[in-house]
Each structure stands twice: as structure tokens, then as C-alpha cells.
C-alpha atoms as a PDB file:
ATOM      1  CA  GLN A   1      24.503 -24.875 -53.574  1.00  0.00           C
ATOM      2  CA  MET A   2      23.511 -27.652 -51.183  1.00  0.00           C
ATOM      3  CA  LYS A   3      21.451 -26.852 -48.146  1.00  0.00           C
ATOM      4  CA  LYS A   4      23.527 -27.079 -44.981  1.00  0.00           C
ATOM      5  CA  GLN A   5      20.888 -26.176 -42.404  1.00  0.00           C
ATOM      6  CA  CYS A   6      18.020 -28.635 -41.910  1.00  0.00           C
ATOM      7  CA  GLY A   7      16.270 -27.146 -38.908  1.00  0.00           C
ATOM      8  CA  GLN A   8      13.245 -28.878 -37.459  1.00  0.00           C
ATOM      9  CA  LYS A   9      10.115 -26.997 -36.479  1.00  0.00           C
ATOM     10  CA  LEU A  10       8.750 -28.001 -33.100  1.00  0.00           C
ATOM     11  CA  LEU A  11       5.409 -27.021 -31.626  1.00  0.00           C
ATOM     12  CA  ILE A  12       5.491 -26.440 -27.907  1.00  0.00           C
ATOM     13  CA  ARG A  13       2.115 -26.529 -26.185  1.00  0.00           C
ATOM     14  CA  MET A  14       1.253 -25.472 -22.657  1.00  0.00           C
ATOM     15  CA  LYS A  15      -1.804 -24.685 -20.557  1.00  0.00           C
ATOM     16  CA  THR A  16      -2.358 -21.661 -18.369  1.00  0.00           C
ATOM     17  CA  GLU A  17      -3.150 -21.958 -14.672  1.00  0.00           C
ATOM     18  CA  CYS A  18      -6.659 -23.085 -13.743  1.00  0.00           C
ATOM     19  CA  VAL A  19      -8.814 -20.166 -12.548  1.00  0.00           C
ATOM     20  CA  PRO A  20     -12.549 -19.408 -12.245  1.00  0.00           C
ATOM     21  CA  CYS A  21     -13.949 -19.356 -15.795  1.00  0.00           C
ATOM     22  CA  SER A  22     -15.332 -15.824 -15.350  1.00  0.00           C
ATOM     23  CA  LEU A  23     -11.797 -14.543 -14.653  1.00  0.00           C
ATOM     24  CA  ASN A  24     -10.140 -16.498 -17.452  1.00  0.00           C
ATOM     25  CA  LEU A  25     -11.240 -14.151 -20.271  1.00  0.00           C
ATOM     26  CA  LYS A  26      -8.314 -11.833 -19.507  1.00  0.00           C
ATOM     27  CA  THR A  27      -5.710 -14.582 -19.046  1.00  0.00           C
ATOM     28  CA  GLN A  28      -2.739 -14.171 -21.369  1.00  0.00           C
ATOM     29  CA  CYS A  29      -0.289 -16.777 -22.562  1.00  0.00           C
ATOM     30  CA  PRO A  30       3.380 -16.376 -21.575  1.00  0.00           C
ATOM     31  CA  ALA A  31       5.522 -14.188 -23.838  1.00  0.00           C
ATOM     32  CA  GLY A  32       6.134 -15.795 -27.215  1.00  0.00           C
ATOM     33  CA  TYR A  33       3.127 -18.121 -26.966  1.00  0.00           C
ATOM     34  CA  THR A  34      -0.077 -17.797 -28.999  1.00  0.00           C
ATOM     35  CA  LYS A  35      -3.462 -18.441 -27.395  1.00  0.00           C
ATOM     36  CA  ILE A  36      -5.255 -21.205 -29.310  1.00  0.00           C
ATOM     37  CA  THR A  37      -8.443 -21.208 -27.231  1.00  0.00           C
ATOM     38  CA  ASN A  38     -11.091 -18.481 -27.177  1.00  0.00           C
ATOM     39  CA  GLY A  39     -13.299 -16.694 -24.671  1.00  0.00           C
ATOM     40  CA  SER A  40     -13.036 -18.128 -21.180  1.00  0.00           C
ATOM     41  CA  GLY A  41     -10.999 -21.118 -22.350  1.00  0.00           C
ATOM     42  CA  ILE A  42     -11.621 -24.800 -21.736  1.00  0.00           C
ATOM     43  CA  PRO A  43     -13.482 -25.942 -18.601  1.00  0.00           C
ATOM     44  CA  ASP A  44     -11.297 -29.020 -18.062  1.00  0.00           C
ATOM     45  CA  CYS A  45      -9.654 -28.376 -14.704  1.00  0.00           C
ATOM     46  CA  ARG A  46     -10.215 -27.656 -11.030  1.00  0.00           C
ATOM     47  CA  TYR A  47      -8.811 -24.901  -8.830  1.00  0.00           C
ATOM     48  CA  TYR A  48      -8.569 -24.946  -5.048  1.00  0.00           C
ATOM     49  CA  LEU A  49      -9.430 -22.474  -2.310  1.00  0.00           C
ATOM     50  CA  GLU A  50      -8.192 -22.910   1.230  1.00  0.00           C
ATOM     51  CA  ILE A  51     -10.674 -21.764   3.865  1.00  0.00           C
ATOM     52  CA  LYS A  52      -9.350 -22.123   7.403  1.00  0.00           C
ATOM     53  CA  THR A  53      -8.991 -25.882   7.826  1.00  0.00           C
ATOM     54  CA  HIS A  54     -10.643 -26.961   4.570  1.00  0.00           C
ATOM     55  CA  THR A  55      -9.557 -26.973   0.948  1.00  0.00           C
ATOM     56  CA  LEU A  56     -12.433 -26.570  -1.486  1.00  0.00           C
ATOM     57  CA  SER A  57     -12.236 -27.625  -5.105  1.00  0.00           C
ATOM     58  CA  PHE A  58     -14.138 -25.841  -7.897  1.00  0.00           C
ATOM     59  CA  PRO A  59     -14.430 -26.435 -11.641  1.00  0.00           C
ATOM     60  CA  GLY A  60     -12.379 -23.884 -13.535  1.00  0.00           C
ATOM     61  CA  CYS A  61     -11.077 -22.926 -16.963  1.00  0.00           C
ATOM     62  CA  ARG A  62      -7.679 -22.616 -18.585  1.00  0.00           C
ATOM     63  CA  HIS A  63      -6.311 -21.612 -21.949  1.00  0.00           C
ATOM     64  CA  HIS A  64      -4.140 -23.640 -24.267  1.00  0.00           C
ATOM     65  CA  CYS A  65      -1.101 -21.871 -25.709  1.00  0.00           C
ATOM     66  CA  MET A  66       1.279 -22.771 -28.504  1.00  0.00           C
ATOM     67  CA  LYS A  67       4.730 -21.663 -29.612  1.00  0.00           C
ATOM     68  CA  GLU A  68       6.619 -22.582 -32.757  1.00  0.00           C
ATOM     69  CA  PHE A  69      10.277 -23.233 -32.164  1.00  0.00           C
ATOM     70  CA  GLU A  70      12.901 -23.999 -34.778  1.00  0.00           C
ATOM     71  CA  GLN A  71      15.595 -26.375 -33.639  1.00  0.00           C
ATOM     72  CA  PRO A  72      18.674 -25.724 -35.757  1.00  0.00           C
ATOM     73  CA  GLU A  73      20.299 -28.857 -37.155  1.00  0.00           C
ATOM     74  CA  CYS A  74      22.791 -29.561 -39.893  1.00  0.00           C
ATOM     75  CA  CYS A  75      21.782 -31.572 -42.938  1.00  0.00           C
ATOM     76  CA  GLN A  76      23.305 -35.015 -43.418  1.00  0.00           C
ATOM     77  CA  GLY A  77      27.002 -34.816 -44.263  1.00  0.00           C
ATOM     78  CA  HIS A  78      27.458 -31.413 -42.566  1.00  0.00           C
ATOM     79  CA  TRP A  79      28.448 -30.661 -38.989  1.00  0.00           C
ATOM     80  CA  GLY A  80      29.795 -28.065 -36.608  1.00  0.00           C
ATOM     81  CA  PRO A  81      28.406 -24.686 -35.540  1.00  0.00           C
ATOM     82  CA  ASP A  82      28.325 -23.432 -39.163  1.00  0.00           C
ATOM     83  CA  CYS A  83      27.238 -26.776 -40.687  1.00  0.00           C
ATOM     84  CA  MET A  84      30.390 -27.025 -42.795  1.00  0.00           C
ATOM     85  CA  GLY A  85      31.913 -30.338 -43.720  1.00  0.00           C
ATOM     86  CA  LYS A  86      31.584 -33.205 -46.193  1.00  0.00           C
END
């Protein structure tokens, strides 16, 4: 019994929106993603506030999220939707 499916695992990473660090504790990753940072996240970004005619920039925090995704592929010598062939 030869293996027909040779799926590849991909890791998809993303970062949440930059917000004040004190508010970032409750930030959740999108559905299906796992939070890989703790507490108030990583203070590596800036967020902006518009006040009348000025835009102010403040240091903020964001979380890093990760999702494992399997990309289905046929093994060598197989093809088609059911990976038949040879």
C-alpha cells in the first residue's frame, strides 16, 4: 500500500492590530489561530490617535498568532483529486 497523499504542513503567522499595551491583554487571535505571545503581547508597534488636526503616535503592543494548515498534495507518480494514477 503506497502512500498517495503527501500533504505539506504550513505554518501561517499573523499579528494582531496594534493597541495600547494595557488593552492588549484581552486581545484574541482570529478564529483558528493560536496566540503564541503572552500577557500584553510584544511592544513592537505604534498606534495612532487623531485629535482634531493632529495625528499622535504612541507605542503599543500586539500579539503574534499562528495557525497550522495542511496543504493537500499527491505523492510523486499520483495525480488528480483522489491522487490515483501511476
